[in-house]
PDB file of N, CA and C in Angstrom:
ATOM      1  N   MET A   1       1.008  -1.239   0.218  1.00  0.00           N
ATOM      2  CA  MET A   1      -0.030   0.135  -0.107  1.00  0.00           C
ATOM      3  C   MET A   1       0.851   0.898  -0.159  1.00  0.00           C
ATOM      4  N   SER A   2       0.692   1.877  -0.631  1.00  0.00           N
ATOM      5  CA  SER A   2       1.360   3.280  -1.121  1.00  0.00           C
ATOM      6  C   SER A   2       1.103   4.513   0.073  1.00  0.00           C
ATOM      7  N   THR A   3       1.796   4.721   0.642  1.00  0.00           N
ATOM      8  CA  THR A   3       1.345   6.209   1.181  1.00  0.00           C
ATOM      9  C   THR A   3       1.534   7.898   0.553  1.00  0.00           C
ATOM     10  N   THR A   4       0.906   8.373   1.308  1.00  0.00           N
ATOM     11  CA  THR A   4       0.849  10.252   0.637  1.00  0.00           C
ATOM     12  C   THR A   4       1.936  10.677   1.015  1.00  0.00           C
ATOM     13  N   GLU A   5       2.588  11.649  -0.201  1.00  0.00           N
ATOM     14  CA  GLU A   5       3.348  12.297  -0.140  1.00  0.00           C
ATOM     15  C   GLU A   5       3.204  13.637  -0.280  1.00  0.00           C
ATOM     16  N   PRO A   6       3.608  15.152   0.128  1.00  0.00           N
ATOM     17  CA  PRO A   6       2.950  16.193  -0.115  1.00  0.00           C
ATOM     18  C   PRO A   6       3.710  16.507  -1.560  1.00  0.00           C
ATOM     19  N   VAL A   7       2.340  17.100  -2.275  1.00  0.00           N
ATOM     20  CA  VAL A   7       3.180  17.751  -3.708  1.00  0.00           C
ATOM     21  C   VAL A   7       2.753  19.173  -4.126  1.00  0.00           C
ATOM     22  N   ASN A   8       3.482  19.856  -4.288  1.00  0.00           N
ATOM     23  CA  ASN A   8       3.083  21.454  -4.443  1.00  0.00           C
ATOM     24  C   ASN A   8       2.465  21.824  -5.951  1.00  0.00           C
ATOM     25  N   VAL A   9       1.397  22.245  -6.196  1.00  0.00           N
ATOM     26  CA  VAL A   9       0.646  23.026  -7.295  1.00  0.00           C
ATOM     27  C   VAL A   9       0.633  24.105  -7.484  1.00  0.00           C
ATOM     28  N   ARG A  10       1.048  24.738  -8.498  1.00  0.00           N
ATOM     29  CA  ARG A  10       0.373  26.242  -8.424  1.00  0.00           C
ATOM     30  C   ARG A  10      -0.708  26.518  -9.269  1.00  0.00           C
ATOM     31  N   LEU A  11      -1.706  27.253  -9.038  1.00  0.00           N
ATOM     32  CA  LEU A  11      -2.788  27.850  -9.665  1.00  0.00           C
ATOM     33  C   LEU A  11      -2.713  29.149  -9.442  1.00  0.00           C
ATOM     34  N   LEU A  12      -2.816  29.716 -10.766  1.00  0.00           N
ATOM     35  CA  LEU A  12      -2.895  31.692 -11.005  1.00  0.00           C
ATOM     36  C   LEU A  12      -1.652  31.910  -9.850  1.00  0.00           C
ATOM     37  N   ASP A  13      -0.575  31.443 -10.071  1.00  0.00           N
ATOM     38  CA  ASP A  13       0.688  31.912  -9.126  1.00  0.00           C
ATOM     39  C   ASP A  13       0.538  31.974  -7.711  1.00  0.00           C
ATOM     40  N   ARG A  14      -0.645  30.744  -7.504  1.00  0.00           N
ATOM     41  CA  ARG A  14      -0.476  30.701  -6.101  1.00  0.00           C
ATOM     42  C   ARG A  14      -0.289  29.111  -5.529  1.00  0.00           C
ATOM     43  N   GLU A  15       0.340  28.863  -4.672  1.00  0.00           N
ATOM     44  CA  GLU A  15       1.128  27.382  -4.292  1.00  0.00           C
ATOM     45  C   GLU A  15      -0.035  26.751  -3.459  1.00  0.00           C
ATOM     46  N   TYR A  16      -0.390  25.700  -3.825  1.00  0.00           N
ATOM     47  CA  TYR A  16      -1.230  24.606  -3.160  1.00  0.00           C
ATOM     48  C   TYR A  16      -0.316  23.309  -2.854  1.00  0.00           C
ATOM     49  N   THR A  17      -0.324  22.517  -1.272  1.00  0.00           N
ATOM     50  CA  THR A  17       0.092  21.546  -1.376  1.00  0.00           C
ATOM     51  C   THR A  17      -1.453  20.515  -1.112  1.00  0.00           C
ATOM     52  N   VAL A  18      -1.018  19.227  -2.019  1.00  0.00           N
ATOM     53  CA  VAL A  18      -1.979  18.001  -1.808  1.00  0.00           C
ATOM     54  C   VAL A  18      -1.441  16.669  -1.893  1.00  0.00           C
ATOM     55  N   GLY A  19      -1.793  16.332  -1.003  1.00  0.00           N
ATOM     56  CA  GLY A  19      -1.591  14.728  -0.611  1.00  0.00           C
ATOM     57  C   GLY A  19      -1.949  14.303  -1.687  1.00  0.00           C
ATOM     58  N   CYS A  20      -0.946  12.803  -2.156  1.00  0.00           N
ATOM     59  CA  CYS A  20      -1.317  11.882  -3.406  1.00  0.00           C
ATOM     60  C   CYS A  20      -0.064  11.008  -3.180  1.00  0.00           C
ATOM     61  N   THR A  21      -0.660   9.575  -3.558  1.00  0.00           N
ATOM     62  CA  THR A  21       0.298   8.506  -3.653  1.00  0.00           C
ATOM     63  C   THR A  21       1.333   9.108  -4.548  1.00  0.00           C
ATOM     64  N   PRO A  22       2.644   8.392  -4.739  1.00  0.00           N
ATOM     65  CA  PRO A  22       3.501   8.090  -5.721  1.00  0.00           C
ATOM     66  C   PRO A  22       3.363   8.067  -7.318  1.00  0.00           C
ATOM     67  N   GLU A  23       2.289   6.925  -7.167  1.00  0.00           N
ATOM     68  CA  GLU A  23       1.717   6.740  -8.747  1.00  0.00           C
ATOM     69  C   GLU A  23       0.610   7.676  -9.103  1.00  0.00           C
ATOM     70  N   GLN A  24      -0.008   8.186  -8.513  1.00  0.00           N
ATOM     71  CA  GLN A  24      -0.825   9.547  -8.656  1.00  0.00           C
ATOM     72  C   GLN A  24      -0.354  10.773  -9.092  1.00  0.00           C
ATOM     73  N   ARG A  25       1.163  11.228  -8.602  1.00  0.00           N
ATOM     74  CA  ARG A  25       1.689  12.505  -8.326  1.00  0.00           C
ATOM     75  C   ARG A  25       1.705  13.105 -10.181  1.00  0.00           C
ATOM     76  N   ASP A  26       2.167  12.408 -10.739  1.00  0.00           N
ATOM     77  CA  ASP A  26       2.030  12.471 -12.490  1.00  0.00           C
ATOM     78  C   ASP A  26       0.504  13.394 -12.659  1.00  0.00           C
ATOM     79  N   GLY A  27      -0.309  12.277 -12.472  1.00  0.00           N
ATOM     80  CA  GLY A  27      -1.685  12.720 -13.037  1.00  0.00           C
ATOM     81  C   GLY A  27      -2.093  13.977 -12.303  1.00  0.00           C
ATOM     82  N   LEU A  28      -1.934  13.882 -10.989  1.00  0.00           N
ATOM     83  CA  LEU A  28      -2.191  15.185  -9.961  1.00  0.00           C
ATOM     84  C   LEU A  28      -1.547  16.335 -10.942  1.00  0.00           C
ATOM     85  N   LEU A  29      -0.126  16.493 -11.051  1.00  0.00           N
ATOM     86  CA  LEU A  29       0.516  17.322 -11.868  1.00  0.00           C
ATOM     87  C   LEU A  29      -0.145  18.112 -13.023  1.00  0.00           C
ATOM     88  N   ALA A  30      -0.365  16.763 -14.376  1.00  0.00           N
ATOM     89  CA  ALA A  30      -1.074  17.067 -15.388  1.00  0.00           C
ATOM     90  C   ALA A  30      -2.563  17.910 -14.905  1.00  0.00           C
ATOM     91  N   ALA A  31      -3.616  17.269 -14.184  1.00  0.00           N
ATOM     92  CA  ALA A  31      -4.592  18.051 -13.470  1.00  0.00           C
ATOM     93  C   ALA A  31      -4.176  19.438 -13.244  1.00  0.00           C
ATOM     94  N   ALA A  32      -3.233  19.381 -12.308  1.00  0.00           N
ATOM     95  CA  ALA A  32      -3.402  20.548 -12.123  1.00  0.00           C
ATOM     96  C   ALA A  32      -2.875  22.107 -13.205  1.00  0.00           C
ATOM     97  N   LYS A  33      -1.631  21.615 -13.999  1.00  0.00           N
ATOM     98  CA  LYS A  33      -1.562  22.047 -15.233  1.00  0.00           C
ATOM     99  C   LYS A  33      -2.585  22.840 -16.014  1.00  0.00           C
ATOM    100  N   LEU A  34      -3.153  21.544 -16.238  1.00  0.00           N
ATOM    101  CA  LEU A  34      -4.777  22.170 -17.391  1.00  0.00           C
ATOM    102  C   LEU A  34      -5.831  22.980 -16.615  1.00  0.00           C
ATOM    103  N   LEU A  35      -5.973  22.761 -15.387  1.00  0.00           N
ATOM    104  CA  LEU A  35      -6.689  23.438 -14.328  1.00  0.00           C
ATOM    105  C   LEU A  35      -6.231  24.825 -14.208  1.00  0.00           C
ATOM    106  N   ASP A  36      -4.951  25.035 -14.115  1.00  0.00           N
ATOM    107  CA  ASP A  36      -4.302  26.579 -14.377  1.00  0.00           C
ATOM    108  C   ASP A  36      -4.509  27.249 -15.519  1.00  0.00           C
ATOM    109  N   THR A  37      -4.410  25.829 -16.390  1.00  0.00           N
ATOM    110  CA  THR A  37      -4.352  26.783 -17.977  1.00  0.00           C
ATOM    111  C   THR A  37      -5.888  27.046 -18.024  1.00  0.00           C
ATOM    112  N   LYS A  38      -7.054  26.524 -17.576  1.00  0.00           N
ATOM    113  CA  LYS A  38      -8.375  27.024 -17.632  1.00  0.00           C
ATOM    114  C   LYS A  38      -8.898  28.389 -16.843  1.00  0.00           C
ATOM    115  N   MET A  39      -8.096  28.323 -16.074  1.00  0.00           N
ATOM    116  CA  MET A  39      -8.234  29.443 -15.000  1.00  0.00           C
ATOM    117  C   MET A  39      -7.659  30.763 -15.372  1.00  0.00           C
ATOM    118  N   ARG A  40      -6.470  30.622 -15.791  1.00  0.00           N
ATOM    119  CA  ARG A  40      -5.955  31.417 -16.762  1.00  0.00           C
ATOM    120  C   ARG A  40      -6.363  32.300 -17.779  1.00  0.00           C
ATOM    121  N   GLU A  41      -7.456  30.941 -18.873  1.00  0.00           N
ATOM    122  CA  GLU A  41      -8.319  31.578 -20.150  1.00  0.00           C
ATOM    123  C   GLU A  41      -9.172  32.324 -19.519  1.00  0.00           C
ATOM    124  N   ILE A  42     -10.001  31.566 -18.427  1.00  0.00           N
ATOM    125  CA  ILE A  42     -11.270  32.301 -17.618  1.00  0.00           C
ATOM    126  C   ILE A  42     -10.452  33.831 -17.233  1.00  0.00           C
ATOM    127  N   ARG A  43      -9.487  33.883 -16.605  1.00  0.00           N
ATOM    128  CA  ARG A  43      -9.404  35.456 -15.998  1.00  0.00           C
ATOM    129  C   ARG A  43      -8.755  36.470 -17.064  1.00  0.00           C
ATOM    130  N   GLY A  44      -8.138  35.991 -18.369  1.00  0.00           N
ATOM    131  CA  GLY A  44      -7.811  36.803 -19.514  1.00  0.00           C
ATOM    132  C   GLY A  44      -7.046  37.589 -18.784  1.00  0.00           C
ATOM    133  N   GLY A  45      -7.337  39.090 -19.049  1.00  0.00           N
ATOM    134  CA  GLY A  45      -6.783  39.960 -18.546  1.00  0.00           C
ATOM    135  C   GLY A  45      -6.919  40.840 -17.838  1.00  0.00           C
ATOM    136  N   ASN A  46      -7.734  40.416 -16.940  1.00  0.00           N
ATOM    137  CA  ASN A  46      -8.680  40.699 -15.274  1.00  0.00           C
ATOM    138  C   ASN A  46      -7.800  40.030 -14.793  1.00  0.00           C
ATOM    139  N   LYS A  47      -6.487  41.043 -13.885  1.00  0.00           N
ATOM    140  CA  LYS A  47      -6.242  40.581 -12.957  1.00  0.00           C
ATOM    141  C   LYS A  47      -6.793  40.398 -11.500  1.00  0.00           C
ATOM    142  N   MET A  48      -8.104  41.512 -11.513  1.00  0.00           N
ATOM    143  CA  MET A  48      -8.440  41.562 -10.174  1.00  0.00           C
ATOM    144  C   MET A  48      -9.614  40.716 -10.360  1.00  0.00           C
ATOM    145  N   ALA A  49     -10.121  39.792 -10.630  1.00  0.00           N
ATOM    146  CA  ALA A  49     -11.077  38.906 -11.208  1.00  0.00           C
ATOM    147  C   ALA A  49     -10.688  37.675  -9.721  1.00  0.00           C
ATOM    148  N   ALA A  50     -11.782  37.421  -8.846  1.00  0.00           N
ATOM    149  CA  ALA A  50     -12.104  36.716  -7.678  1.00  0.00           C
ATOM    150  C   ALA A  50     -11.425  35.707  -8.248  1.00  0.00           C
ATOM    151  N   VAL A  51     -10.773  34.798  -7.410  1.00  0.00           N
ATOM    152  CA  VAL A  51      -9.767  33.629  -7.348  1.00  0.00           C
ATOM    153  C   VAL A  51     -11.311  32.706  -7.829  1.00  0.00           C
ATOM    154  N   ASP A  52     -11.906  32.430  -6.514  1.00  0.00           N
ATOM    155  CA  ASP A  52     -13.000  31.516  -6.524  1.00  0.00           C
ATOM    156  C   ASP A  52     -14.027  31.384  -7.449  1.00  0.00           C
ATOM    157  N   ARG A  53     -13.939  32.722  -7.741  1.00  0.00           N
ATOM    158  CA  ARG A  53     -15.428  32.588  -9.015  1.00  0.00           C
ATOM    159  C   ARG A  53     -14.600  32.100 -10.430  1.00  0.00           C
ATOM    160  N   ILE A  54     -13.135  32.101 -10.337  1.00  0.00           N
ATOM    161  CA  ILE A  54     -12.214  31.524 -11.906  1.00  0.00           C
ATOM    162  C   ILE A  54     -12.330  30.323 -11.367  1.00  0.00           C
ATOM    163  N   ALA A  55     -12.152  29.827 -10.559  1.00  0.00           N
ATOM    164  CA  ALA A  55     -11.790  28.474  -9.986  1.00  0.00           C
ATOM    165  C   ALA A  55     -12.953  27.481 -10.310  1.00  0.00           C
ATOM    166  N   VAL A  56     -14.330  28.201 -10.045  1.00  0.00           N
ATOM    167  CA  VAL A  56     -15.791  27.184 -10.144  1.00  0.00           C
ATOM    168  C   VAL A  56     -16.265  27.291 -11.825  1.00  0.00           C
ATOM    169  N   LEU A  57     -15.546  28.729 -12.419  1.00  0.00           N
ATOM    170  CA  LEU A  57     -15.805  28.584 -13.626  1.00  0.00           C
ATOM    171  C   LEU A  57     -14.853  27.432 -14.544  1.00  0.00           C
ATOM    172  N   ALA A  58     -13.795  27.257 -14.493  1.00  0.00           N
ATOM    173  CA  ALA A  58     -12.955  26.704 -14.802  1.00  0.00           C
ATOM    174  C   ALA A  58     -13.349  25.429 -14.412  1.00  0.00           C
ATOM    175  N   ALA A  59     -13.450  24.701 -13.523  1.00  0.00           N
ATOM    176  CA  ALA A  59     -14.288  23.329 -12.679  1.00  0.00           C
ATOM    177  C   ALA A  59     -15.469  23.290 -13.678  1.00  0.00           C
ATOM    178  N   LEU A  60     -16.298  23.987 -14.058  1.00  0.00           N
ATOM    179  CA  LEU A  60     -17.695  23.905 -14.815  1.00  0.00           C
ATOM    180  C   LEU A  60     -17.518  23.569 -16.103  1.00  0.00           C
ATOM    181  N   ASN A  61     -16.191  24.179 -17.010  1.00  0.00           N
ATOM    182  CA  ASN A  61     -15.970  24.285 -18.293  1.00  0.00           C
ATOM    183  C   ASN A  61     -15.299  22.858 -18.358  1.00  0.00           C
ATOM    184  N   ILE A  62     -14.356  21.944 -17.256  1.00  0.00           N
ATOM    185  CA  ILE A  62     -13.825  20.982 -17.299  1.00  0.00           C
ATOM    186  C   ILE A  62     -14.742  19.834 -17.226  1.00  0.00           C
ATOM    187  N   ALA A  63     -15.711  19.936 -16.534  1.00  0.00           N
ATOM    188  CA  ALA A  63     -16.725  18.850 -15.844  1.00  0.00           C
ATOM    189  C   ALA A  63     -17.950  19.044 -17.505  1.00  0.00           C
ATOM    190  N   HIS A  64     -17.726  20.145 -17.918  1.00  0.00           N
ATOM    191  CA  HIS A  64     -18.814  19.772 -19.200  1.00  0.00           C
ATOM    192  C   HIS A  64     -18.079  19.226 -20.461  1.00  0.00           C
ATOM    193  N   GLU A  65     -16.689  19.591 -20.450  1.00  0.00           N
ATOM    194  CA  GLU A  65     -16.238  19.085 -21.359  1.00  0.00           C
ATOM    195  C   GLU A  65     -16.077  17.472 -20.788  1.00  0.00           C
ATOM    196  N   PHE A  66     -15.598  17.074 -19.962  1.00  0.00           N
ATOM    197  CA  PHE A  66     -16.079  15.731 -19.924  1.00  0.00           C
ATOM    198  C   PHE A  66     -16.882  14.990 -20.075  1.00  0.00           C
ATOM    199  N   LEU A  67     -18.075  15.077 -19.659  1.00  0.00           N
ATOM    200  CA  LEU A  67     -19.487  14.671 -19.697  1.00  0.00           C
ATOM    201  C   LEU A  67     -19.703  14.705 -21.017  1.00  0.00           C
ATOM    202  N   GLN A  68     -19.125  15.784 -22.136  1.00  0.00           N
ATOM    203  CA  GLN A  68     -19.047  15.339 -23.410  1.00  0.00           C
ATOM    204  C   GLN A  68     -18.322  14.356 -23.796  1.00  0.00           C
ATOM    205  N   VAL A  69     -17.404  13.974 -23.277  1.00  0.00           N
ATOM    206  CA  VAL A  69     -16.648  12.837 -23.783  1.00  0.00           C
ATOM    207  C   VAL A  69     -16.989  11.265 -23.407  1.00  0.00           C
ATOM    208  N   ARG A  70     -17.392  11.721 -22.185  1.00  0.00           N
ATOM    209  CA  ARG A  70     -18.237  10.597 -22.017  1.00  0.00           C
ATOM    210  C   ARG A  70     -19.704  10.139 -22.648  1.00  0.00           C
ATOM    211  N   ALA A  71     -20.113  10.935 -23.097  1.00  0.00           N
ATOM    212  CA  ALA A  71     -21.487  10.973 -23.413  1.00  0.00           C
ATOM    213  C   ALA A  71     -20.943  10.472 -24.941  1.00  0.00           C
ATOM    214  N   GLU A  72     -19.975  10.496 -25.369  1.00  0.00           N
ATOM    215  CA  GLU A  72     -19.488   9.745 -27.088  1.00  0.00           C
ATOM    216  C   GLU A  72     -18.743   8.526 -26.412  1.00  0.00           C
ATOM    217  N   PRO A  73     -19.044   7.997 -26.537  1.00  0.00           N
ATOM    218  CA  PRO A  73     -17.965   6.448 -26.491  1.00  0.00           C
ATOM    219  C   PRO A  73     -17.466   6.099 -27.404  1.00  0.00           C
ATOM    220  N   HIS A  74     -17.638   6.292 -28.829  1.00  0.00           N
ATOM    221  CA  HIS A  74     -16.847   5.897 -29.521  1.00  0.00           C
ATOM    222  C   HIS A  74     -16.180   6.951 -29.933  1.00  0.00           C
ATOM    223  N   ARG A  75     -16.560   8.037 -29.139  1.00  0.00           N
ATOM    224  CA  ARG A  75     -15.314   9.413 -29.328  1.00  0.00           C
ATOM    225  C   ARG A  75     -13.618   8.949 -28.681  1.00  0.00           C
ATOM    226  N   GLU A  76     -13.873   8.164 -27.838  1.00  0.00           N
ATOM    227  CA  GLU A  76     -12.722   7.562 -27.084  1.00  0.00           C
ATOM    228  C   GLU A  76     -12.169   6.594 -27.589  1.00  0.00           C
ATOM    229  N   ARG A  77     -13.001   5.525 -28.290  1.00  0.00           N
ATOM    230  CA  ARG A  77     -12.605   4.693 -29.130  1.00  0.00           C
ATOM    231  C   ARG A  77     -11.680   5.211 -30.585  1.00  0.00           C
ATOM    232  N   ASP A  78     -12.498   6.587 -31.291  1.00  0.00           N
ATOM    233  CA  ASP A  78     -11.281   6.882 -32.376  1.00  0.00           C
ATOM    234  C   ASP A  78     -10.244   7.615 -31.645  1.00  0.00           C
ATOM    235  N   ILE A  79     -10.018   8.291 -30.299  1.00  0.00           N
ATOM    236  CA  ILE A  79      -8.781   8.966 -29.859  1.00  0.00           C
ATOM    237  C   ILE A  79      -8.240   7.541 -29.531  1.00  0.00           C
ATOM    238  N   ALA A  80      -8.453   6.746 -29.004  1.00  0.00           N
ATOM    239  CA  ALA A  80      -7.487   5.469 -28.632  1.00  0.00           C
ATOM    240  C   ALA A  80      -6.997   5.081 -30.156  1.00  0.00           C
ATOM    241  N   HIS A  81      -7.876   4.916 -31.350  1.00  0.00           N
ATOM    242  CA  HIS A  81      -7.261   4.618 -31.903  1.00  0.00           C
ATOM    243  C   HIS A  81      -6.169   5.258 -32.941  1.00  0.00           C
ATOM    244  N   SER A  82      -6.403   6.573 -32.534  1.00  0.00           N
ATOM    245  CA  SER A  82      -5.454   7.293 -33.597  1.00  0.00           C
ATOM    246  C   SER A  82      -4.166   7.110 -32.512  1.00  0.00           C
ATOM    247  N   LEU A  83      -4.417   7.295 -31.295  1.00  0.00           N
ATOM    248  CA  LEU A  83      -2.976   7.186 -30.374  1.00  0.00           C
ATOM    249  C   LEU A  83      -2.197   6.323 -30.438  1.00  0.00           C
ATOM    250  N   GLY A  84      -2.862   4.547 -30.876  1.00  0.00           N
ATOM    251  CA  GLY A  84      -2.175   3.682 -30.928  1.00  0.00           C
ATOM    252  C   GLY A  84      -1.409   3.857 -32.422  1.00  0.00           C
ATOM    253  N   MET A  85      -2.214   4.576 -33.516  1.00  0.00           N
ATOM    254  CA  MET A  85      -1.707   4.955 -34.812  1.00  0.00           C
ATOM    255  C   MET A  85      -0.125   5.474 -34.691  1.00  0.00           C
ATOM    256  N   LEU A  86       0.145   6.235 -33.559  1.00  0.00           N
ATOM    257  CA  LEU A  86       0.535   7.510 -33.513  1.00  0.00           C
ATOM    258  C   LEU A  86       1.610   6.604 -32.575  1.00  0.00           C
ATOM    259  N   ASN A  87       1.515   6.079 -31.922  1.00  0.00           N
ATOM    260  CA  ASN A  87       2.165   5.180 -31.077  1.00  0.00           C
ATOM    261  C   ASN A  87       2.937   3.842 -32.383  1.00  0.00           C
ATOM    262  N   ARG A  88       2.662   3.541 -32.736  1.00  0.00           N
ATOM    263  CA  ARG A  88       2.838   2.863 -34.229  1.00  0.00           C
ATOM    264  C   ARG A  88       4.197   3.606 -34.750  1.00  0.00           C
ATOM    265  N   ARG A  89       3.728   4.791 -35.445  1.00  0.00           N
ATOM    266  CA  ARG A  89       4.517   5.339 -36.315  1.00  0.00           C
ATOM    267  C   ARG A  89       5.596   6.373 -35.817  1.00  0.00           C
ATOM    268  N   ILE A  90       5.788   6.319 -34.412  1.00  0.00           N
ATOM    269  CA  ILE A  90       6.688   6.889 -33.597  1.00  0.00           C
ATOM    270  C   ILE A  90       7.684   5.563 -33.572  1.00  0.00           C
ATOM    271  N   ASP A  91       7.430   4.446 -33.274  1.00  0.00           N
ATOM    272  CA  ASP A  91       7.764   3.384 -32.884  1.00  0.00           C
ATOM    273  C   ASP A  91       8.500   2.856 -34.339  1.00  0.00           C
ATOM    274  N   ASP A  92       8.029   2.553 -35.448  1.00  0.00           N
ATOM    275  CA  ASP A  92       8.661   2.845 -36.635  1.00  0.00           C
ATOM    276  C   ASP A  92       9.777   3.816 -36.898  1.00  0.00           C
ATOM    277  N   LEU A  93       9.421   4.747 -36.607  1.00  0.00           N
ATOM    278  CA  LEU A  93      10.950   5.990 -36.626  1.00  0.00           C
ATOM    279  C   LEU A  93      12.047   5.893 -35.800  1.00  0.00           C
ATOM    280  N   LEU A  94      11.311   5.450 -35.328  1.00  0.00           N
ATOM    281  CA  LEU A  94      12.547   5.131 -33.815  1.00  0.00           C
ATOM    282  C   LEU A  94      13.358   3.720 -34.513  1.00  0.00           C
ATOM    283  N   ASP A  95      12.907   3.132 -34.370  1.00  0.00           N
ATOM    284  CA  ASP A  95      13.181   1.593 -35.244  1.00  0.00           C
ATOM    285  C   ASP A  95      13.989   1.649 -36.527  1.00  0.00           C
ATOM    286  N   ALA A  96      13.815   2.836 -37.411  1.00  0.00           N
ATOM    287  CA  ALA A  96      14.369   3.265 -39.176  1.00  0.00           C
ATOM    288  C   ALA A  96      15.631   3.239 -38.949  1.00  0.00           C
ATOM    289  N   PRO A  97      16.760   2.655 -39.542  1.00  0.00           N
ATOM    290  CA  PRO A  97      18.359   3.148 -39.642  1.00  0.00           C
ATOM    291  C   PRO A  97      18.412   4.513 -39.722  1.00  0.00           C
ATOM    292  N   PRO A  98      19.457   5.120 -39.366  1.00  0.00           N
ATOM    293  CA  PRO A  98      19.713   6.303 -39.175  1.00  0.00           C
ATOM    294  C   PRO A  98      19.956   6.648 -41.123  1.00  0.00           C
ATOM    295  N   GLY A  99      19.604   7.681 -41.128  1.00  0.00           N
ATOM    296  CA  GLY A  99      20.290   8.103 -42.545  1.00  0.00           C
ATOM    297  C   GLY A  99      19.675   9.181 -43.452  1.00  0.00           C
TER     298      GLY A  99
END
């Protein structure tokens, strides 16, 4: 069983410490990066916007996107297929002799 460890993430130039297992660390950091990007898009040039309002709007946008993807199971399959094709192409390029 993995133990939790503190991980620092930055959202809109504010640092937060979150506990997670080592296996969850990369996912947490990716989620924090996504959330930070969404929050910055919503804030735009308005540096005075309330952080809690920005966070709620970003969470609603991400939840909406998630529900759209979940409602379209064939889309997930198409994405997985495309990723598989890209992985095969990358493997082929890496296996090709230099020259």
